[in-house]
Protein backbone atom coordinates (compact mmCIF):
# COMPACT_ATOMS: atom_id res chain seq x y z
CA MET A 1 63.97 33.68 107.36
CA HIS A 2 60.69 35.12 106.23
CA SER A 3 60.24 36.35 102.68
CA VAL A 4 59.33 39.98 102.08
CA LYS A 5 55.99 40.35 100.28
CA LEU A 6 57.09 43.18 98.04
CA THR A 7 57.38 42.75 94.28
CA ILE A 8 58.69 44.83 91.42
CA ALA A 9 55.13 45.17 90.11
CA LYS A 10 53.95 46.71 93.37
CA ILE A 11 56.84 49.16 93.40
CA LEU A 12 56.17 50.18 89.79
CA SER A 13 52.51 50.80 90.64
CA VAL A 14 53.59 53.09 93.48
CA LEU A 15 55.82 55.00 91.06
CA PHE A 16 52.90 55.58 88.69
CA VAL A 17 50.77 56.83 91.59
CA ALA A 18 53.60 59.18 92.60
CA CYS A 19 53.77 60.42 89.01
CA GLY A 20 50.08 61.36 89.26
CA LEU A 21 50.69 63.09 92.59
CA GLN A 22 53.48 65.07 90.97
CA PHE A 23 51.21 66.40 88.23
CA SER A 24 48.54 67.41 90.75
CA ALA A 25 51.10 69.04 93.04
CA ASP A 26 52.55 71.27 90.30
CA ALA A 27 49.53 73.58 90.47
CA GLN A 28 50.26 74.47 94.08
CA GLU A 29 53.60 76.24 93.79
CA ILE A 30 53.50 79.95 93.01
CA SER A 31 56.62 81.88 91.96
CA PRO A 32 56.92 84.63 89.32
CA TYR A 33 60.50 83.47 88.65
CA SER A 34 59.08 80.23 87.25
CA ARG A 35 57.95 82.21 84.18
CA TYR A 36 61.51 82.14 82.81
CA GLY A 37 63.55 79.33 81.29
CA LEU A 38 62.32 75.92 82.42
CA GLY A 39 60.82 77.29 85.63
CA ASP A 40 61.98 76.86 89.20
CA MET A 41 64.67 74.18 89.26
CA THR A 42 64.26 71.60 92.04
CA PRO A 43 67.11 70.98 94.54
CA ASN A 44 68.22 67.88 92.51
CA ARG A 45 69.50 66.14 95.65
CA ASN A 46 68.20 63.51 98.03
CA VAL A 47 67.19 64.65 101.52
CA LEU A 48 70.45 63.44 103.05
CA SER A 49 72.45 65.77 100.77
CA ARG A 50 69.99 68.66 101.17
CA GLY A 51 70.72 68.69 104.90
CA MET A 52 74.40 69.29 104.08
CA GLY A 53 73.94 72.22 101.71
CA GLY A 54 73.43 69.89 98.75
CA ILE A 55 76.92 68.36 98.50
CA ALA A 56 76.72 65.19 96.39
CA ALA A 57 79.78 64.70 94.14
CA GLY A 58 81.76 62.76 96.75
CA VAL A 59 78.86 61.54 98.91
CA PHE A 60 78.11 57.86 99.45
CA ASP A 61 75.78 56.49 102.10
CA TYR A 62 74.68 52.85 102.20
CA GLN A 63 71.27 53.87 103.64
CA SER A 64 70.22 56.09 100.70
CA ILE A 65 70.65 56.52 96.95
CA ASN A 66 72.69 59.41 95.57
CA PHE A 67 70.98 60.08 92.22
CA THR A 68 73.03 63.24 91.56
CA ASN A 69 76.26 61.27 91.04
CA PRO A 70 75.33 57.85 89.61
CA ALA A 71 78.80 56.48 90.44
CA ALA A 72 77.59 56.21 94.07
CA ILE A 73 75.00 53.61 92.99
CA SER A 74 77.85 51.12 92.70
CA GLY A 75 78.23 50.83 96.46
CA ILE A 76 74.66 49.69 97.22
CA SER A 77 74.90 46.55 99.35
CA ASN A 78 71.21 45.99 100.15
CA THR A 79 67.89 46.84 98.55
CA ILE A 80 66.95 50.47 99.30
CA PHE A 81 63.53 52.06 98.87
CA ASP A 82 63.79 55.85 99.18
CA VAL A 83 60.87 58.30 98.99
CA ALA A 84 60.62 61.97 99.95
CA ALA A 85 58.29 64.97 100.01
CA GLU A 86 58.67 68.63 100.83
CA ALA A 87 56.70 71.63 101.97
CA ASP A 88 57.74 75.24 101.54
CA VAL A 89 56.68 78.72 102.55
CA ARG A 90 57.51 81.36 99.93
CA ASN A 91 57.55 85.09 100.58
CA LEU A 92 57.81 87.66 97.80
CA LYS A 93 58.67 91.29 98.42
CA SER A 94 58.22 93.82 95.63
CA SER A 95 59.65 97.34 95.81
CA ALA A 96 57.72 98.74 92.81
CA PRO A 97 54.97 98.70 93.90
CA ALA A 98 55.74 98.05 97.56
CA LYS A 99 53.86 94.81 98.28
CA LYS A 100 54.34 91.44 99.94
CA PHE A 101 52.99 88.06 98.90
CA SER A 102 53.23 84.59 100.43
CA SER A 103 52.27 81.02 99.55
CA THR A 104 52.50 77.59 101.18
CA ASN A 105 53.03 74.49 99.05
CA ALA A 106 53.28 70.72 99.56
CA LEU A 107 55.16 68.80 96.87
CA PHE A 108 56.44 65.37 95.90
CA SER A 109 60.27 65.23 95.83
CA TYR A 110 61.30 61.84 94.47
CA MET A 111 60.82 58.08 94.70
CA GLN A 112 63.49 55.52 93.90
CA LEU A 113 64.54 51.92 94.40
CA GLY A 114 68.11 50.63 94.40
CA MET A 115 69.61 47.15 94.71
CA PRO A 116 72.92 45.27 94.32
CA ILE A 117 73.07 43.09 91.19
CA GLY A 118 76.68 41.86 91.29
CA SER A 119 77.53 38.16 91.52
CA ARG A 120 79.54 36.38 94.23
CA LYS A 121 82.37 35.97 91.74
CA MET A 122 82.49 39.74 91.26
CA ALA A 123 82.43 40.29 95.03
CA LYS A 124 85.47 38.02 95.44
CA LYS A 125 87.31 40.26 92.98
CA ASN A 126 86.25 43.33 95.00
CA ILE A 127 83.84 44.50 92.28
CA ASN A 128 80.43 45.92 93.25
CA TRP A 129 77.55 46.51 90.86
CA GLY A 130 74.39 48.44 91.72
CA LEU A 131 71.15 49.39 89.99
CA SER A 132 68.48 52.01 90.72
CA PHE A 133 65.36 53.43 89.11
CA GLY A 134 62.79 56.03 90.05
CA LEU A 135 60.91 59.24 89.35
CA ARG A 136 61.61 62.85 90.24
CA PRO A 137 60.68 66.40 89.17
CA VAL A 138 63.38 68.56 87.56
CA SER A 139 61.57 71.90 87.45
CA ARG A 140 58.19 73.43 88.23
CA ILE A 141 56.26 76.22 86.54
CA ASP A 142 53.36 77.90 88.30
CA TYR A 143 52.64 81.61 88.51
CA ARG A 144 49.77 84.07 88.35
CA ILE A 145 50.73 87.73 88.01
CA GLU A 146 48.17 90.51 87.71
CA LYS A 147 49.05 94.01 86.53
CA ASN A 148 46.77 97.08 86.56
CA GLU A 149 47.77 100.26 84.71
CA ARG A 150 46.37 103.39 83.09
CA LEU A 151 47.14 103.85 79.38
CA THR A 152 47.37 107.54 78.56
CA GLY A 153 44.51 108.68 76.36
CA ILE A 154 42.96 105.21 76.18
CA ASP A 155 41.61 103.24 79.17
CA SER A 156 42.63 101.35 82.24
CA LEU A 157 44.13 97.95 81.45
CA ASN A 158 44.23 94.76 83.47
CA THR A 159 46.82 92.16 82.38
CA LEU A 160 46.84 88.65 83.80
CA TYR A 161 49.91 86.46 83.22
CA GLU A 162 49.48 82.75 84.04
CA GLY A 163 51.70 79.73 83.60
CA SER A 164 51.88 76.08 84.60
CA GLY A 165 53.90 72.95 83.85
CA GLY A 166 57.38 71.70 84.60
CA LEU A 167 59.90 69.01 83.75
CA ASN A 168 60.12 65.45 85.15
CA GLN A 169 62.39 62.42 84.83
CA VAL A 170 61.82 58.68 84.90
CA PHE A 171 65.31 57.23 85.29
CA LEU A 172 67.34 54.03 85.43
CA GLY A 173 70.87 54.16 86.78
CA THR A 174 73.72 51.72 87.27
CA GLY A 175 77.22 51.89 88.70
CA LEU A 176 80.33 49.70 88.95
CA LYS A 177 82.93 49.91 91.71
CA PHE A 178 86.42 48.40 91.43
CA GLY A 179 88.26 48.09 94.73
CA LYS A 180 91.85 47.18 95.52
CA GLY A 181 93.72 46.57 98.77
CA THR A 182 92.51 46.51 102.36
CA GLY A 183 92.68 48.72 105.43
CA LYS A 184 94.74 51.87 104.97
CA LYS A 185 95.84 50.70 101.52
CA TYR A 186 92.27 50.47 100.18
CA ARG A 187 91.55 52.28 96.93
CA ALA A 188 88.41 52.18 94.77
CA PHE A 189 87.22 53.67 91.52
CA SER A 190 83.51 53.93 90.64
CA VAL A 191 81.76 54.82 87.41
CA GLY A 192 78.04 55.23 86.86
CA ILE A 193 75.47 56.31 84.29
CA THR A 194 71.82 57.28 84.51
CA ALA A 195 69.49 57.21 81.53
CA GLY A 196 65.78 57.67 81.12
CA TYR A 197 63.01 59.76 79.71
CA MET A 198 62.63 63.46 80.47
CA PHE A 199 59.18 64.91 79.81
CA GLY A 200 57.25 68.05 80.62
CA SER A 201 54.97 70.87 79.59
CA LYS A 202 54.99 74.64 79.50
CA ASP A 203 51.61 76.39 79.29
CA TYR A 204 51.53 80.20 79.14
CA SER A 205 48.71 82.68 78.71
CA THR A 206 48.32 86.48 78.76
CA LYS A 207 44.80 87.89 79.17
CA LEU A 208 44.05 91.58 78.54
CA THR A 209 40.95 93.38 79.85
CA PHE A 210 40.15 97.03 79.12
CA ILE A 211 38.19 98.69 81.92
CA ASN A 212 35.71 101.33 80.81
CA ASP A 213 32.54 102.64 82.49
CA SER A 214 30.57 103.16 79.27
CA THR A 215 31.95 100.61 76.80
CA ASP A 216 32.13 96.85 77.23
CA TYR A 217 35.20 95.51 75.40
CA PHE A 218 35.82 91.87 74.57
CA ARG A 219 38.77 90.42 76.43
CA SER A 220 41.79 88.97 74.63
CA ASN A 221 43.81 85.86 75.35
CA SER A 222 47.20 84.92 73.89
CA ALA A 223 48.15 81.39 74.91
CA SER A 224 50.59 78.64 74.01
CA LYS A 225 50.61 75.06 75.27
CA THR A 226 53.79 73.06 74.74
CA ASN A 227 54.56 69.41 75.48
CA PHE A 228 58.11 68.10 75.15
CA GLY A 229 60.18 65.04 75.95
CA GLY A 230 63.22 62.98 75.09
CA VAL A 231 65.89 60.57 76.29
CA PHE A 232 68.56 61.89 78.66
CA PHE A 233 71.92 60.68 80.00
CA ASN A 234 73.86 61.60 83.14
CA ALA A 235 77.26 60.19 84.15
CA GLY A 236 79.50 60.25 87.20
CA LEU A 237 82.84 59.17 88.65
CA GLN A 238 84.09 58.66 92.21
CA TYR A 239 87.55 57.90 93.55
CA GLU A 240 87.85 56.56 97.10
CA ALA A 241 90.98 56.24 99.21
CA ALA A 242 91.64 55.35 102.83
CA ILE A 243 93.62 58.14 104.48
CA LYS A 244 94.78 57.88 108.08
CA SER A 245 91.64 57.08 110.11
CA GLY A 246 89.14 58.14 107.46
CA THR A 247 88.10 57.98 103.80
CA LEU A 248 88.56 60.59 101.07
CA ARG A 249 86.10 60.56 98.16
CA ILE A 250 86.48 62.76 95.08
CA GLY A 251 83.60 62.92 92.64
CA LEU A 252 82.65 64.25 89.23
CA PHE A 253 79.19 64.27 87.61
CA GLY A 254 77.36 65.93 84.76
CA ASN A 255 75.27 65.73 81.62
CA ILE A 256 75.69 66.88 78.06
CA LYS A 257 73.21 69.14 76.28
CA GLN A 258 69.95 67.28 75.58
CA ASN A 259 67.54 67.96 72.70
CA LEU A 260 63.89 67.37 73.59
CA LYS A 261 61.25 67.12 70.86
CA ALA A 262 58.30 69.46 71.35
CA THR A 263 54.85 70.21 69.95
CA GLN A 264 53.04 73.48 70.56
CA ASP A 265 49.46 74.70 70.25
CA ILE A 266 49.06 78.47 69.77
CA VAL A 267 45.86 80.51 70.06
CA ARG A 268 45.00 84.20 69.83
CA GLU A 269 41.35 84.82 70.71
CA THR A 270 38.77 87.14 72.18
CA PHE A 271 36.56 85.86 74.97
CA SER A 272 33.91 86.94 77.41
CA ILE A 273 32.61 85.87 80.81
CA ASP A 274 28.93 85.14 81.40
CA ALA A 275 26.87 85.88 84.52
CA ASN A 276 27.91 82.56 86.11
CA GLY A 277 31.61 83.33 85.72
CA ASN A 278 32.14 80.86 82.85
CA THR A 279 34.53 81.75 80.04
CA TYR A 280 33.50 81.34 76.40
CA ARG A 281 35.25 82.17 73.14
CA VAL A 282 33.92 85.04 71.04
CA ASP A 283 36.28 84.82 68.08
CA SER A 284 39.49 82.98 67.15
CA ILE A 285 41.88 85.48 65.61
CA TYR A 286 44.71 83.01 65.06
CA GLN A 287 45.11 79.34 65.88
CA GLN A 288 47.73 76.74 65.04
CA ALA A 289 48.10 73.22 66.47
CA GLY A 290 50.97 70.75 66.56
CA VAL A 291 53.80 73.18 65.81
CA LYS A 292 57.03 71.14 65.89
CA GLY A 293 60.09 72.44 67.70
CA THR A 294 62.98 71.68 70.03
CA VAL A 295 63.67 72.41 73.67
CA VAL A 296 67.39 72.28 74.46
CA PHE A 297 68.20 71.24 78.03
CA PRO A 298 71.57 72.73 79.11
CA ALA A 299 74.77 70.88 80.01
CA THR A 300 75.88 70.70 83.66
CA ILE A 301 79.12 69.62 85.29
CA GLY A 302 79.88 69.31 89.00
CA THR A 303 82.81 68.20 91.11
CA GLY A 304 83.65 67.95 94.79
CA PHE A 305 85.07 65.92 97.64
CA THR A 306 84.19 64.55 101.06
CA TYR A 307 86.30 63.32 103.95
CA GLN A 308 84.73 60.94 106.44
CA ASP A 309 85.86 59.25 109.66
CA LYS A 310 83.90 57.47 112.38
CA HIS A 311 82.19 60.62 113.61
CA LEU A 312 82.58 63.44 111.07
CA LEU A 313 81.93 63.91 107.37
CA TYR A 314 82.54 67.20 105.56
CA GLY A 315 82.83 68.24 101.94
CA VAL A 316 82.58 70.90 99.23
CA ASP A 317 80.93 70.87 95.77
CA PHE A 318 81.12 73.18 92.77
CA GLU A 319 78.49 72.98 90.02
CA TYR A 320 78.26 74.87 86.72
CA THR A 321 75.38 74.95 84.21
CA ASN A 322 75.74 76.35 80.68
CA TRP A 323 72.34 78.04 80.41
CA THR A 324 73.40 80.00 77.32
CA GLY A 325 73.11 76.64 75.55
CA TYR A 326 69.44 76.42 76.52
CA SER A 327 66.74 77.36 74.04
CA PHE A 328 62.98 77.04 73.73
CA TYR A 329 61.91 76.98 70.09
CA GLY A 330 65.15 78.80 69.25
CA LYS A 331 64.77 81.47 71.96
CA ASN A 332 67.10 81.89 74.97
CA GLU A 333 64.38 83.35 77.24
CA ASP A 334 66.23 85.57 79.73
CA VAL A 335 68.66 83.04 81.21
CA GLN A 336 72.39 83.12 81.91
CA ASN A 337 75.17 80.73 82.87
CA SER A 338 75.09 79.90 86.57
CA TRP A 339 77.21 78.21 89.21
CA LEU A 340 76.73 77.06 92.79
CA ILE A 341 79.26 76.38 95.50
CA ARG A 342 78.09 74.11 98.32
CA ALA A 343 79.63 73.15 101.64
CA GLY A 344 78.32 70.79 104.29
CA ALA A 345 79.08 68.48 107.19
CA GLN A 346 77.59 65.58 109.17
CA TYR A 347 78.30 64.55 112.76
CA PHE A 348 77.60 61.08 114.19
CA PRO A 349 78.18 60.96 117.99
CA ALA A 350 78.02 57.18 118.63
CA ASN A 351 80.89 54.71 118.78
CA GLU A 352 81.24 50.99 119.47
CA GLN A 353 80.77 51.45 123.22
CA THR A 354 77.69 53.70 123.09
CA ALA A 355 74.68 52.15 124.85
CA ALA A 356 71.70 51.36 122.61
CA LYS A 357 69.35 53.26 124.91
CA LYS A 358 71.08 56.55 124.05
CA TYR A 359 68.96 57.15 120.96
CA PHE A 360 70.15 60.66 120.10
CA SER A 361 73.74 59.46 119.98
CA PHE A 362 72.74 57.42 116.92
CA VAL A 363 71.16 60.36 115.11
CA ARG A 364 73.22 61.91 112.30
CA TYR A 365 73.32 65.73 112.54
CA ARG A 366 73.86 67.74 109.35
CA ALA A 367 74.43 71.35 108.33
CA GLY A 368 75.48 73.24 105.21
CA ALA A 369 75.16 76.25 102.93
CA PHE A 370 75.17 77.16 99.22
CA TYR A 371 75.64 80.31 97.13
CA GLY A 372 75.73 81.37 93.47
CA PRO A 373 74.14 83.59 90.79
CA ASP A 374 70.56 82.91 89.67
CA TYR A 375 70.14 81.41 86.20
CA VAL A 376 67.25 83.82 85.51
CA LYS A 377 68.59 87.04 83.96
CA LEU A 378 66.39 90.10 84.30
CA ASN A 379 67.29 93.78 84.78
CA SER A 380 70.00 93.03 87.35
CA SER A 381 71.99 90.05 88.57
CA ARG A 382 70.44 88.05 91.40
CA SER A 383 72.00 85.71 93.91
CA VAL A 384 70.72 82.32 95.01
CA TYR A 385 71.69 81.42 98.58
CA GLY A 386 70.68 79.24 101.49
CA VAL A 387 71.64 77.57 104.76
CA THR A 388 70.50 74.08 105.75
CA LEU A 389 70.12 71.84 108.78
CA GLY A 390 69.23 68.15 108.74
CA THR A 391 69.10 64.86 110.62
CA GLY A 392 69.20 61.15 109.89
CA MET A 393 67.05 59.47 112.54
CA PRO A 394 66.95 55.66 112.86
CA LEU A 395 63.43 54.18 112.87
CA THR A 396 64.60 50.60 113.43
CA SER A 397 65.66 49.36 116.86
CA LEU A 398 69.42 48.90 117.20
CA ARG A 399 68.96 45.27 118.25
CA ARG A 400 67.08 44.44 115.05
CA ILE A 401 69.72 46.23 112.97
CA SER A 402 72.49 44.14 114.50
CA TYR A 403 70.47 40.93 113.97
CA THR A 404 69.14 41.35 110.41
CA GLY A 405 71.10 44.26 108.97
CA GLU A 406 67.79 45.80 107.87
CA ARG A 407 66.98 49.37 108.82
CA ALA A 408 64.73 52.32 108.16
CA THR A 409 65.87 55.92 108.47
CA LEU A 410 63.93 59.16 108.61
CA ASN A 411 65.96 61.88 106.87
CA THR A 412 64.98 65.50 107.41
CA ALA A 413 66.31 68.78 106.08
CA ILE A 414 65.33 72.39 106.67
CA GLU A 415 66.47 74.97 104.14
CA PHE A 416 66.20 78.73 104.48
CA GLY A 417 67.25 80.63 101.39
CA GLY A 418 66.24 83.05 98.71
CA ARG A 419 67.00 84.77 95.46
CA GLY A 420 67.63 88.46 94.95
CA ASP A 421 69.53 91.11 96.90
CA LYS A 422 69.07 94.66 98.13
CA ASN A 423 69.19 95.96 94.54
CA SER A 424 66.46 93.60 93.32
CA SER A 425 62.97 94.97 92.69
CA LEU A 426 61.55 91.52 93.51
CA LYS A 427 63.06 89.43 96.28
CA GLU A 428 61.96 85.90 97.14
CA THR A 429 62.71 83.99 100.34
CA THR A 430 61.89 80.31 100.87
CA LEU A 431 61.64 78.15 103.97
CA ARG A 432 61.63 74.52 102.79
CA PHE A 433 60.97 71.42 104.91
CA ASN A 434 62.16 68.10 103.44
CA VAL A 435 61.24 64.66 104.79
CA GLY A 436 62.37 61.33 103.38
CA ILE A 437 62.15 57.71 104.45
CA SER A 438 64.85 55.30 103.38
CA MET A 439 64.21 51.58 103.95
CA ASN A 440 67.18 49.24 103.69
CA ALA A 441 66.32 45.50 103.50
CA SER A 442 67.33 42.17 101.97
CA TRP A 443 64.58 42.14 99.33
CA PHE A 444 64.77 39.95 96.22
CA MET A 445 67.59 37.84 97.71
CA LYS A 446 67.37 34.07 98.03
CA HIS A 447 68.35 32.94 101.52
CA LYS A 448 69.84 29.52 102.10
CA TYR A 449 70.47 27.50 105.26
CA ASP A 450 73.86 25.87 105.68
């Protein structure tokens, strides 16, 4: 057998490049909701799960890595390289004033590598051990809101609110699976943990400009730039049992409240703009650098199940986040506790007798939906909702799969959803396209001839 010319060093270099792409991509997404809390939270699922409404607690698939429930890492039987990106179209509709806005964004989703690390002795005892590591965004902040108003007895005022930043994770996860029995008597229990470093920034500014025909006022800027980071831990459990002609999996995952150390630079200044459009400071009214503080990341718990047979997989998840435990330098920042209920299914048409030339019989078809209250709390409660469709399309010929066991899969997911309802003054709808490639191969394994 030939050796695969792919090393850990090369993979790590790709992760660092992806990290750079993530930082450059943050500036593309525009949403006024990202002003609150930690910004717009990412889907926190791989593309396979996103196609099924985001169910993940009881999901295991040997062709991808479930980073939401680290217990699923235990079942990895081959080296898996999984990378994904997304593009979305956002539409905002405001009722006061009556206006519409739209933006199109292309973003990095995640990159991860997983591999089995158990010994042959462990395998004989029906014990599996898996490892994974990678990079992914947790939230994104990017908005630019302009407000024009007339102040009675004074002047017209233009206010520009701007923000950027977000939260990211570099993670390392591992999972152990203990199996017992065979056939219809098979039972297994898996436990997993993910740890790593969570880091991010939150940069806000508010610029005021008085508009007067006879008097030229200096403009004001109130800005804060915050960087924060810290170690995080996630954990998960899965129970698997053979039932009739299928498999039932019950899962639990979550994280405790995490304290992230932060430093903040604060400035209050007046500024002006020259003839070339360049900004320069006129006077610094107040300035303080390196203000120490804490950002508290909230606790989350989720549970769910899946049932899977040769052709059909379906499941339900429930997830709850204690956002009242969140704080940014001691402030709660207009957030509330939130929950999401998710439901999804996957259909695989092929069986043992299906001819290899029938390609679309070997495609996995997925669908799902999710619903819950938004974690951002403004004047009224808002709902978060969506419906999803997805596919898992083999990129490797079936003959090669049967010969080497190696495969590549193109996972896709389309999500249409939004936040807000008929009583909301600002309603946002999102059409998100997700694409991921999962490559499953026998990397890092020493092959021997008998």
